[in-house]
């Protein structure tokens, strides 16, 4: 079904690139649990990693969604991580999550921003970055990323969640996305 597979070509690929850029990691925090996160969390879990989901505070539905896909824990993004993270992947466009993710990450860990845009990042103490933590952003995907991910995806029993919207309802889809009313991805159908 093309509508179910469509998220692999955008959200799945950006999630894959974000996960790769994090480097070796056993404990991963995922901030923002939408289109890319719901796919790449399943990939990371299939690779034997522990995934901790950080959702909009009070969004119990998103927390339950993350747990249903195998996350080791799910909590509000304002909560403390249940363990020190090797890496944090940020998909929510919220700059204030960067200091929180850095604080949750071990020495030498990585925080990777996988979004196209983000609100301004607030000032934070250098101590959060110190001890060789890395702060990275994803700008582009490569053909190699696509080849790797599209070869890997069929080997994992991915549970794709896509809400379909007629093209004429694109604005409604965007509103639902902004309001956190989607589980997984939104797909526009011509």
N, C-alpha and C. Protein backbone atom coordinates (compact mmCIF):
# COMPACT_ATOMS: atom_id res chain seq x y z
N UNK A 1 0.85 -1.18 0.00
CA UNK A 1 0.00 0.00 0.00
C UNK A 1 0.89 1.25 0.00
N UNK A 2 0.84 2.07 -1.04
CA UNK A 2 1.71 3.25 -1.13
C UNK A 2 1.59 4.22 0.05
N UNK A 3 0.39 4.41 0.57
CA UNK A 3 0.21 5.36 1.68
C UNK A 3 0.90 4.87 2.95
N UNK A 4 0.97 3.58 3.13
CA UNK A 4 1.65 3.03 4.30
C UNK A 4 3.16 3.07 4.13
N UNK A 5 3.61 2.91 2.90
CA UNK A 5 5.06 2.91 2.63
C UNK A 5 5.64 4.31 2.48
N UNK A 6 4.82 5.29 2.15
CA UNK A 6 5.32 6.66 1.92
C UNK A 6 6.18 7.19 3.06
N UNK A 7 5.80 6.98 4.33
CA UNK A 7 6.63 7.52 5.41
C UNK A 7 8.06 6.97 5.43
N UNK A 8 8.28 5.79 4.88
CA UNK A 8 9.64 5.26 4.83
C UNK A 8 10.56 6.15 4.01
N UNK A 9 10.01 6.77 2.96
CA UNK A 9 10.82 7.53 2.02
C UNK A 9 11.18 8.92 2.52
N UNK A 10 10.55 9.39 3.53
CA UNK A 10 10.88 10.70 4.09
C UNK A 10 11.24 10.53 5.56
N UNK A 11 10.25 10.27 6.38
CA UNK A 11 10.48 10.15 7.82
C UNK A 11 11.44 9.01 8.15
N UNK A 12 11.29 7.89 7.47
CA UNK A 12 12.18 6.75 7.72
C UNK A 12 13.61 7.07 7.38
N UNK A 13 13.81 7.72 6.24
CA UNK A 13 15.17 8.06 5.82
C UNK A 13 15.81 9.10 6.73
N UNK A 14 15.07 10.10 7.13
CA UNK A 14 15.64 11.12 8.02
C UNK A 14 15.94 10.49 9.39
N UNK A 15 15.06 9.61 9.83
CA UNK A 15 15.31 8.90 11.09
C UNK A 15 16.56 8.05 11.01
N UNK A 16 16.75 7.35 9.89
CA UNK A 16 17.92 6.50 9.69
C UNK A 16 19.20 7.34 9.73
N UNK A 17 19.21 8.45 9.01
CA UNK A 17 20.39 9.32 8.98
C UNK A 17 20.69 9.85 10.40
N UNK A 18 19.65 10.22 11.12
CA UNK A 18 19.81 10.73 12.48
C UNK A 18 20.40 9.66 13.39
N UNK A 19 19.88 8.45 13.31
CA UNK A 19 20.39 7.34 14.12
C UNK A 19 21.85 7.04 13.77
N UNK A 20 22.17 7.01 12.48
CA UNK A 20 23.55 6.75 12.06
C UNK A 20 24.51 7.82 12.59
N UNK A 21 24.10 9.07 12.53
CA UNK A 21 24.97 10.16 12.98
C UNK A 21 25.23 10.10 14.49
N UNK A 22 24.34 9.45 15.23
CA UNK A 22 24.53 9.33 16.68
C UNK A 22 25.71 8.44 17.01
N UNK A 23 26.07 7.54 16.12
CA UNK A 23 27.17 6.63 16.38
C UNK A 23 26.74 5.47 17.27
N UNK A 24 27.72 4.70 17.73
CA UNK A 24 27.39 3.54 18.58
C UNK A 24 26.67 4.00 19.84
N UNK A 25 25.56 3.37 20.14
CA UNK A 25 24.76 3.75 21.31
C UNK A 25 23.89 2.58 21.72
N UNK A 26 23.81 2.34 23.00
CA UNK A 26 22.92 1.30 23.53
C UNK A 26 21.65 1.90 24.11
N UNK A 27 21.80 3.01 24.82
CA UNK A 27 20.64 3.70 25.42
C UNK A 27 20.40 4.99 24.63
N UNK A 28 19.23 5.06 24.01
CA UNK A 28 18.91 6.19 23.13
C UNK A 28 17.64 6.88 23.62
N UNK A 29 17.69 8.18 23.70
CA UNK A 29 16.50 8.98 23.98
C UNK A 29 15.98 9.56 22.69
N UNK A 30 14.68 9.47 22.47
CA UNK A 30 14.06 10.06 21.28
C UNK A 30 13.09 11.13 21.76
N UNK A 31 13.37 12.37 21.38
CA UNK A 31 12.56 13.52 21.79
C UNK A 31 11.64 13.90 20.64
N UNK A 32 10.33 13.81 20.89
CA UNK A 32 9.33 14.02 19.85
C UNK A 32 9.03 12.67 19.24
N UNK A 33 7.81 12.20 19.40
CA UNK A 33 7.50 10.84 18.93
C UNK A 33 6.46 10.89 17.83
N UNK A 34 6.88 11.32 16.65
CA UNK A 34 6.00 11.43 15.50
C UNK A 34 6.43 10.51 14.37
N UNK A 35 6.39 11.03 13.15
CA UNK A 35 6.61 10.23 11.95
C UNK A 35 7.98 9.55 11.94
N UNK A 36 9.05 10.31 12.05
CA UNK A 36 10.40 9.71 12.00
C UNK A 36 10.66 8.86 13.23
N UNK A 37 10.28 9.37 14.39
CA UNK A 37 10.57 8.66 15.64
C UNK A 37 9.88 7.31 15.71
N UNK A 38 8.63 7.22 15.26
CA UNK A 38 7.93 5.94 15.41
C UNK A 38 8.54 4.87 14.52
N UNK A 39 9.19 5.28 13.45
CA UNK A 39 9.86 4.31 12.57
C UNK A 39 11.23 3.95 13.13
N UNK A 40 12.03 4.97 13.42
CA UNK A 40 13.41 4.70 13.81
C UNK A 40 13.50 4.08 15.20
N UNK A 41 12.52 4.31 16.06
CA UNK A 41 12.50 3.63 17.36
C UNK A 41 12.43 2.12 17.14
N UNK A 42 11.59 1.69 16.21
CA UNK A 42 11.46 0.26 15.93
C UNK A 42 12.75 -0.32 15.37
N UNK A 43 13.43 0.45 14.53
CA UNK A 43 14.71 0.00 13.96
C UNK A 43 15.73 -0.15 15.09
N UNK A 44 15.84 0.86 15.94
CA UNK A 44 16.81 0.82 17.04
C UNK A 44 16.53 -0.35 17.98
N UNK A 45 15.27 -0.58 18.29
CA UNK A 45 14.89 -1.70 19.17
C UNK A 45 15.25 -3.02 18.51
N UNK A 46 15.00 -3.15 17.21
CA UNK A 46 15.36 -4.37 16.49
C UNK A 46 16.87 -4.60 16.50
N UNK A 47 17.64 -3.54 16.62
CA UNK A 47 19.10 -3.63 16.70
C UNK A 47 19.59 -3.89 18.13
N UNK A 48 18.65 -4.05 19.06
CA UNK A 48 19.01 -4.36 20.43
C UNK A 48 19.27 -3.16 21.32
N UNK A 49 18.89 -1.99 20.88
CA UNK A 49 19.10 -0.77 21.66
C UNK A 49 17.91 -0.53 22.60
N UNK A 50 18.16 0.14 23.71
CA UNK A 50 17.09 0.55 24.62
C UNK A 50 16.65 1.95 24.22
N UNK A 51 15.38 2.09 23.92
CA UNK A 51 14.84 3.37 23.48
C UNK A 51 13.96 3.96 24.57
N UNK A 52 14.25 5.21 24.91
CA UNK A 52 13.44 5.95 25.88
C UNK A 52 12.79 7.10 25.12
N UNK A 53 11.47 7.12 25.10
CA UNK A 53 10.72 8.15 24.37
C UNK A 53 10.41 9.33 25.29
N UNK A 54 10.60 10.53 24.75
CA UNK A 54 10.27 11.76 25.47
C UNK A 54 9.24 12.49 24.63
N UNK A 55 8.04 12.64 25.19
CA UNK A 55 6.90 13.19 24.46
C UNK A 55 6.51 14.54 25.06
N UNK A 56 5.60 15.21 24.39
CA UNK A 56 5.07 16.47 24.92
C UNK A 56 4.52 16.21 26.32
N UNK A 57 4.90 17.02 27.32
CA UNK A 57 4.41 16.78 28.68
C UNK A 57 2.88 16.66 28.71
N UNK A 58 2.41 15.62 29.37
CA UNK A 58 0.98 15.38 29.49
C UNK A 58 0.36 14.59 28.35
N UNK A 59 1.13 14.28 27.31
CA UNK A 59 0.59 13.56 26.15
C UNK A 59 0.66 12.05 26.39
N UNK A 60 -0.30 11.56 27.16
CA UNK A 60 -0.34 10.15 27.52
C UNK A 60 -0.52 9.25 26.30
N UNK A 61 -1.28 9.71 25.31
CA UNK A 61 -1.49 8.90 24.10
C UNK A 61 -0.16 8.66 23.38
N UNK A 62 0.68 9.69 23.27
CA UNK A 62 1.98 9.52 22.61
C UNK A 62 2.88 8.60 23.41
N UNK A 63 2.84 8.72 24.74
CA UNK A 63 3.64 7.84 25.60
C UNK A 63 3.20 6.38 25.42
N UNK A 64 1.90 6.15 25.40
CA UNK A 64 1.39 4.79 25.22
C UNK A 64 1.74 4.26 23.83
N UNK A 65 1.70 5.12 22.83
CA UNK A 65 2.07 4.74 21.47
C UNK A 65 3.53 4.27 21.44
N UNK A 66 4.42 5.04 22.06
CA UNK A 66 5.84 4.68 22.11
C UNK A 66 6.04 3.34 22.81
N UNK A 67 5.36 3.14 23.93
CA UNK A 67 5.48 1.88 24.66
C UNK A 67 4.94 0.71 23.83
N UNK A 68 3.86 0.96 23.07
CA UNK A 68 3.28 -0.11 22.25
C UNK A 68 4.23 -0.57 21.15
N UNK A 69 5.17 0.30 20.78
CA UNK A 69 6.15 -0.04 19.74
C UNK A 69 7.43 -0.62 20.33
N UNK A 70 7.48 -0.76 21.66
CA UNK A 70 8.62 -1.41 22.28
C UNK A 70 9.57 -0.52 23.05
N UNK A 71 9.25 0.76 23.21
CA UNK A 71 10.14 1.65 23.97
C UNK A 71 10.28 1.13 25.40
N UNK A 72 11.48 1.24 25.96
CA UNK A 72 11.74 0.80 27.33
C UNK A 72 11.04 1.71 28.33
N UNK A 73 10.86 2.98 27.96
CA UNK A 73 10.15 3.92 28.82
C UNK A 73 9.59 5.04 27.95
N UNK A 74 8.63 5.74 28.50
CA UNK A 74 8.05 6.91 27.82
C UNK A 74 7.64 7.89 28.89
N UNK A 75 8.07 9.14 28.72
CA UNK A 75 7.78 10.18 29.70
C UNK A 75 7.75 11.52 29.01
N UNK A 76 7.29 12.52 29.74
CA UNK A 76 7.29 13.87 29.20
C UNK A 76 8.71 14.35 28.96
N UNK A 77 8.86 15.25 28.01
CA UNK A 77 10.20 15.76 27.68
C UNK A 77 10.78 16.61 28.81
N UNK A 78 9.96 16.94 29.79
CA UNK A 78 10.43 17.69 30.95
C UNK A 78 10.89 16.78 32.08
N UNK A 79 10.78 15.46 31.89
CA UNK A 79 11.16 14.49 32.92
C UNK A 79 12.63 14.08 32.77
N UNK A 80 13.17 13.58 33.85
CA UNK A 80 14.54 13.07 33.85
C UNK A 80 14.56 11.72 33.12
N UNK A 81 15.63 11.46 32.39
CA UNK A 81 15.79 10.17 31.70
C UNK A 81 15.96 9.07 32.75
N UNK A 82 15.40 7.88 32.50
CA UNK A 82 15.53 6.79 33.46
C UNK A 82 16.96 6.26 33.60
N UNK A 83 17.81 6.57 32.63
CA UNK A 83 19.22 6.21 32.70
C UNK A 83 19.98 7.22 31.86
N UNK A 84 21.30 7.32 32.08
CA UNK A 84 22.11 8.21 31.25
C UNK A 84 22.10 7.67 29.83
N UNK A 85 21.93 8.55 28.86
CA UNK A 85 21.80 8.17 27.46
C UNK A 85 23.15 8.20 26.76
N UNK A 86 23.35 7.25 25.84
CA UNK A 86 24.52 7.29 24.95
C UNK A 86 24.29 8.31 23.85
N UNK A 87 23.03 8.46 23.47
CA UNK A 87 22.68 9.39 22.39
C UNK A 87 21.24 9.85 22.57
N UNK A 88 20.97 11.04 22.07
CA UNK A 88 19.61 11.58 22.04
C UNK A 88 19.33 12.04 20.62
N UNK A 89 18.17 11.65 20.12
CA UNK A 89 17.72 12.05 18.78
C UNK A 89 16.55 13.01 18.99
N UNK A 90 16.65 14.20 18.43
CA UNK A 90 15.59 15.20 18.62
C UNK A 90 14.86 15.40 17.30
N UNK A 91 13.58 15.05 17.29
CA UNK A 91 12.74 15.27 16.11
C UNK A 91 11.75 16.39 16.32
N UNK A 92 11.45 16.74 17.57
CA UNK A 92 10.55 17.86 17.86
C UNK A 92 11.26 19.16 17.52
N UNK A 93 10.57 20.13 16.93
CA UNK A 93 11.21 21.39 16.52
C UNK A 93 11.33 22.40 17.67
N UNK A 94 11.78 21.92 18.82
CA UNK A 94 11.78 22.72 20.05
C UNK A 94 13.22 22.88 20.53
N UNK A 95 13.79 24.06 20.33
CA UNK A 95 15.17 24.31 20.70
C UNK A 95 15.46 24.08 22.18
N UNK A 96 14.48 24.29 23.04
CA UNK A 96 14.68 24.10 24.48
C UNK A 96 14.99 22.65 24.84
N UNK A 97 14.74 21.72 23.92
CA UNK A 97 15.04 20.32 24.20
C UNK A 97 16.54 20.03 24.13
N UNK A 98 17.30 20.86 23.44
CA UNK A 98 18.74 20.59 23.29
C UNK A 98 19.46 20.59 24.64
N UNK A 99 19.31 21.62 25.49
CA UNK A 99 19.97 21.53 26.80
C UNK A 99 19.49 20.35 27.63
N UNK A 100 18.20 20.04 27.55
CA UNK A 100 17.67 18.89 28.30
C UNK A 100 18.31 17.59 27.82
N UNK A 101 18.41 17.44 26.50
CA UNK A 101 19.00 16.22 25.94
C UNK A 101 20.49 16.13 26.28
N UNK A 102 21.20 17.25 26.21
CA UNK A 102 22.62 17.24 26.59
C UNK A 102 22.79 16.82 28.05
N UNK A 103 21.92 17.33 28.92
CA UNK A 103 22.00 16.98 30.35
C UNK A 103 21.73 15.50 30.58
N UNK A 104 20.94 14.88 29.72
CA UNK A 104 20.59 13.47 29.87
C UNK A 104 21.63 12.53 29.24
N UNK A 105 22.57 13.10 28.50
CA UNK A 105 23.52 12.31 27.72
C UNK A 105 24.83 12.11 28.48
N UNK A 106 25.38 10.90 28.37
CA UNK A 106 26.66 10.56 29.00
C UNK A 106 27.81 11.35 28.41
N UNK A 107 28.93 11.35 29.12
CA UNK A 107 30.17 11.90 28.58
C UNK A 107 30.46 11.20 27.26
N UNK A 108 30.84 11.98 26.25
CA UNK A 108 31.16 11.40 24.95
C UNK A 108 29.95 11.07 24.10
N UNK A 109 28.75 11.32 24.60
CA UNK A 109 27.53 11.01 23.87
C UNK A 109 27.21 12.04 22.80
N UNK A 110 26.17 11.76 22.05
CA UNK A 110 25.77 12.64 20.95
C UNK A 110 24.32 13.04 21.07
N UNK A 111 24.04 14.28 20.71
CA UNK A 111 22.68 14.78 20.55
C UNK A 111 22.56 15.16 19.09
N UNK A 112 21.62 14.53 18.38
CA UNK A 112 21.47 14.76 16.95
C UNK A 112 20.08 15.34 16.68
N UNK A 113 20.05 16.49 16.04
CA UNK A 113 18.80 17.16 15.68
C UNK A 113 18.42 16.71 14.28
N UNK A 114 17.29 16.01 14.17
CA UNK A 114 16.88 15.45 12.90
C UNK A 114 15.83 16.25 12.15
N UNK A 115 15.49 17.41 12.64
CA UNK A 115 14.44 18.19 11.99
C UNK A 115 14.98 19.19 10.98
N UNK A 116 14.09 19.71 10.16
CA UNK A 116 14.45 20.70 9.16
C UNK A 116 14.53 22.09 9.78
N UNK A 117 13.71 22.34 10.77
CA UNK A 117 13.73 23.63 11.45
C UNK A 117 13.53 23.40 12.94
N UNK A 118 13.85 24.42 13.72
CA UNK A 118 13.72 24.32 15.17
C UNK A 118 13.61 25.73 15.72
N UNK A 119 12.91 25.87 16.83
CA UNK A 119 12.87 27.17 17.49
C UNK A 119 14.27 27.48 18.03
N UNK A 120 14.48 28.72 18.43
CA UNK A 120 15.79 29.11 18.93
C UNK A 120 16.21 28.25 20.11
N UNK A 121 17.50 28.00 20.17
CA UNK A 121 18.08 27.22 21.26
C UNK A 121 18.44 28.20 22.38
N UNK A 122 17.93 27.95 23.59
CA UNK A 122 18.27 28.87 24.68
C UNK A 122 19.73 28.70 25.09
N UNK A 123 20.25 29.73 25.70
CA UNK A 123 21.59 29.67 26.25
C UNK A 123 21.66 28.54 27.27
N UNK A 124 22.81 27.87 27.33
CA UNK A 124 22.98 26.83 28.33
C UNK A 124 24.44 26.82 28.79
N UNK A 125 24.69 26.30 30.00
CA UNK A 125 26.06 26.30 30.50
C UNK A 125 26.95 25.34 29.69
N UNK A 126 28.18 25.74 29.51
CA UNK A 126 29.14 24.93 28.77
C UNK A 126 29.29 23.53 29.38
N UNK A 127 29.07 23.39 30.67
CA UNK A 127 29.20 22.10 31.34
C UNK A 127 28.31 21.03 30.70
N UNK A 128 27.20 21.43 30.07
CA UNK A 128 26.33 20.45 29.41
C UNK A 128 26.97 19.88 28.15
N UNK A 129 27.82 20.64 27.51
CA UNK A 129 28.48 20.20 26.28
C UNK A 129 29.85 19.59 26.57
N UNK A 130 30.46 20.03 27.65
CA UNK A 130 31.80 19.60 28.04
C UNK A 130 31.86 18.08 28.15
N UNK A 131 33.03 17.54 28.24
CA UNK A 131 33.30 16.10 28.34
C UNK A 131 32.95 15.38 27.05
N UNK A 132 33.29 16.06 25.96
CA UNK A 132 33.24 15.49 24.61
C UNK A 132 31.87 15.06 24.13
N UNK A 133 30.82 15.72 24.64
CA UNK A 133 29.50 15.49 24.06
C UNK A 133 29.48 16.17 22.70
N UNK A 134 28.72 15.60 21.77
CA UNK A 134 28.64 16.14 20.42
C UNK A 134 27.21 16.61 20.15
N UNK A 135 27.09 17.75 19.50
CA UNK A 135 25.80 18.29 19.09
C UNK A 135 25.83 18.40 17.57
N UNK A 136 24.94 17.67 16.90
CA UNK A 136 24.94 17.58 15.44
C UNK A 136 23.56 17.87 14.89
N UNK A 137 23.53 18.24 13.61
CA UNK A 137 22.24 18.39 12.92
C UNK A 137 22.30 17.66 11.59
N UNK A 138 21.15 17.16 11.18
CA UNK A 138 21.03 16.49 9.88
C UNK A 138 20.60 17.54 8.87
N UNK A 139 21.32 17.63 7.76
CA UNK A 139 20.97 18.60 6.72
C UNK A 139 20.45 17.91 5.47
N UNK A 140 21.04 16.79 5.13
CA UNK A 140 20.69 16.12 3.87
C UNK A 140 20.76 14.61 4.05
N UNK A 141 20.14 13.94 3.12
CA UNK A 141 20.23 12.48 3.04
C UNK A 141 21.11 12.14 1.84
N UNK A 142 21.69 10.96 1.87
CA UNK A 142 22.50 10.53 0.73
C UNK A 142 21.85 9.32 0.06
N UNK A 143 22.29 9.03 -1.14
CA UNK A 143 21.81 7.82 -1.82
C UNK A 143 22.17 6.59 -1.00
N UNK A 144 23.35 6.62 -0.41
CA UNK A 144 23.78 5.49 0.42
C UNK A 144 22.85 5.30 1.61
N UNK A 145 22.41 6.40 2.24
CA UNK A 145 21.43 6.30 3.33
C UNK A 145 20.18 5.58 2.84
N UNK A 146 19.70 5.97 1.67
CA UNK A 146 18.48 5.37 1.11
C UNK A 146 18.70 3.89 0.82
N UNK A 147 19.82 3.55 0.21
CA UNK A 147 20.10 2.14 -0.09
C UNK A 147 20.14 1.31 1.20
N UNK A 148 20.86 1.80 2.19
CA UNK A 148 20.98 1.07 3.46
C UNK A 148 19.63 0.89 4.13
N UNK A 149 18.89 1.99 4.26
CA UNK A 149 17.63 1.92 4.99
C UNK A 149 16.59 1.08 4.25
N UNK A 150 16.48 1.26 2.95
CA UNK A 150 15.48 0.51 2.20
C UNK A 150 15.83 -0.97 2.09
N UNK A 151 17.10 -1.33 2.27
CA UNK A 151 17.48 -2.74 2.36
C UNK A 151 17.19 -3.29 3.76
N UNK A 152 17.37 -2.46 4.77
CA UNK A 152 17.16 -2.88 6.15
C UNK A 152 15.68 -2.98 6.52
N UNK A 153 14.87 -2.02 6.09
CA UNK A 153 13.47 -1.93 6.51
C UNK A 153 12.68 -3.23 6.35
N UNK A 154 12.79 -3.95 5.22
CA UNK A 154 12.00 -5.17 5.09
C UNK A 154 12.42 -6.30 6.04
N UNK A 155 13.59 -6.18 6.65
CA UNK A 155 14.06 -7.23 7.56
C UNK A 155 13.53 -7.03 8.98
N UNK A 156 12.88 -5.91 9.21
CA UNK A 156 12.35 -5.57 10.54
C UNK A 156 10.83 -5.54 10.44
N UNK A 157 10.15 -6.17 11.37
CA UNK A 157 8.68 -6.12 11.31
C UNK A 157 8.15 -4.74 11.75
N UNK A 158 8.33 -3.75 10.87
CA UNK A 158 7.89 -2.39 11.18
C UNK A 158 6.37 -2.29 11.22
N UNK A 159 5.88 -1.62 12.24
CA UNK A 159 4.45 -1.31 12.33
C UNK A 159 4.31 0.14 11.90
N UNK A 160 3.86 0.33 10.67
CA UNK A 160 3.73 1.68 10.13
C UNK A 160 2.38 2.26 10.56
N UNK A 161 2.43 3.49 11.02
CA UNK A 161 1.21 4.20 11.40
C UNK A 161 1.12 5.45 10.54
N UNK A 162 0.13 5.48 9.67
CA UNK A 162 -0.04 6.62 8.77
C UNK A 162 -1.51 7.02 8.74
N UNK A 163 -1.76 8.29 8.98
CA UNK A 163 -3.11 8.83 8.87
C UNK A 163 -3.23 9.48 7.50
N UNK A 164 -4.22 9.08 6.74
CA UNK A 164 -4.40 9.58 5.37
C UNK A 164 -5.30 10.81 5.37
N UNK A 165 -4.89 11.77 4.56
CA UNK A 165 -5.68 12.99 4.37
C UNK A 165 -5.80 13.24 2.87
N UNK A 166 -6.99 13.58 2.38
CA UNK A 166 -7.09 14.03 0.99
C UNK A 166 -6.25 15.30 0.82
N UNK A 167 -5.68 15.48 -0.34
CA UNK A 167 -4.84 16.64 -0.61
C UNK A 167 -5.54 17.95 -0.25
N UNK A 168 -6.84 18.01 -0.46
CA UNK A 168 -7.61 19.22 -0.15
C UNK A 168 -7.61 19.52 1.35
N UNK A 169 -7.26 18.54 2.18
CA UNK A 169 -7.22 18.74 3.64
C UNK A 169 -5.79 18.87 4.17
N UNK A 170 -4.88 19.31 3.33
CA UNK A 170 -3.47 19.45 3.74
C UNK A 170 -3.32 20.38 4.94
N UNK A 171 -4.07 21.47 4.96
CA UNK A 171 -3.98 22.40 6.09
C UNK A 171 -4.44 21.74 7.38
N UNK A 172 -5.46 20.92 7.29
CA UNK A 172 -5.94 20.20 8.47
C UNK A 172 -4.87 19.21 8.96
N UNK A 173 -4.22 18.54 8.03
CA UNK A 173 -3.14 17.61 8.39
C UNK A 173 -2.02 18.34 9.12
N UNK A 174 -1.64 19.52 8.60
CA UNK A 174 -0.59 20.31 9.25
C UNK A 174 -1.02 20.77 10.64
N UNK A 175 -2.27 21.16 10.77
CA UNK A 175 -2.78 21.58 12.08
C UNK A 175 -2.74 20.42 13.07
N UNK A 176 -3.16 19.24 12.63
CA UNK A 176 -3.12 18.06 13.50
C UNK A 176 -1.68 17.73 13.90
N UNK A 177 -0.76 17.89 12.97
CA UNK A 177 0.66 17.64 13.26
C UNK A 177 1.16 18.61 14.32
N UNK A 178 0.90 19.90 14.13
CA UNK A 178 1.34 20.93 15.09
C UNK A 178 0.74 20.71 16.48
N UNK A 179 -0.50 20.25 16.52
CA UNK A 179 -1.20 20.07 17.78
C UNK A 179 -0.88 18.74 18.45
N UNK A 180 -0.08 17.90 17.80
CA UNK A 180 0.26 16.61 18.37
C UNK A 180 -0.89 15.62 18.35
N UNK A 181 -1.79 15.77 17.38
CA UNK A 181 -2.97 14.91 17.31
C UNK A 181 -2.78 13.71 16.39
N UNK A 182 -1.55 13.47 15.93
CA UNK A 182 -1.28 12.33 15.04
C UNK A 182 -0.46 11.28 15.77
N UNK A 183 -0.69 10.04 15.43
CA UNK A 183 0.22 8.98 15.83
C UNK A 183 0.90 8.51 14.56
N UNK A 184 2.22 8.60 14.53
CA UNK A 184 2.94 8.22 13.33
C UNK A 184 2.99 9.36 12.34
N UNK A 185 2.73 9.04 11.08
CA UNK A 185 2.90 10.01 9.99
C UNK A 185 1.55 10.42 9.39
N UNK A 186 1.55 11.57 8.75
CA UNK A 186 0.42 12.02 7.94
C UNK A 186 0.79 11.80 6.48
N UNK A 187 -0.14 11.29 5.70
CA UNK A 187 0.10 11.06 4.27
C UNK A 187 -1.01 11.74 3.48
N UNK A 188 -0.61 12.59 2.54
CA UNK A 188 -1.58 13.26 1.68
C UNK A 188 -1.86 12.39 0.46
N UNK A 189 -3.14 12.20 0.17
CA UNK A 189 -3.58 11.35 -0.95
C UNK A 189 -4.19 12.25 -2.02
N UNK A 190 -3.68 12.16 -3.28
CA UNK A 190 -4.26 13.00 -4.35
C UNK A 190 -5.71 12.66 -4.63
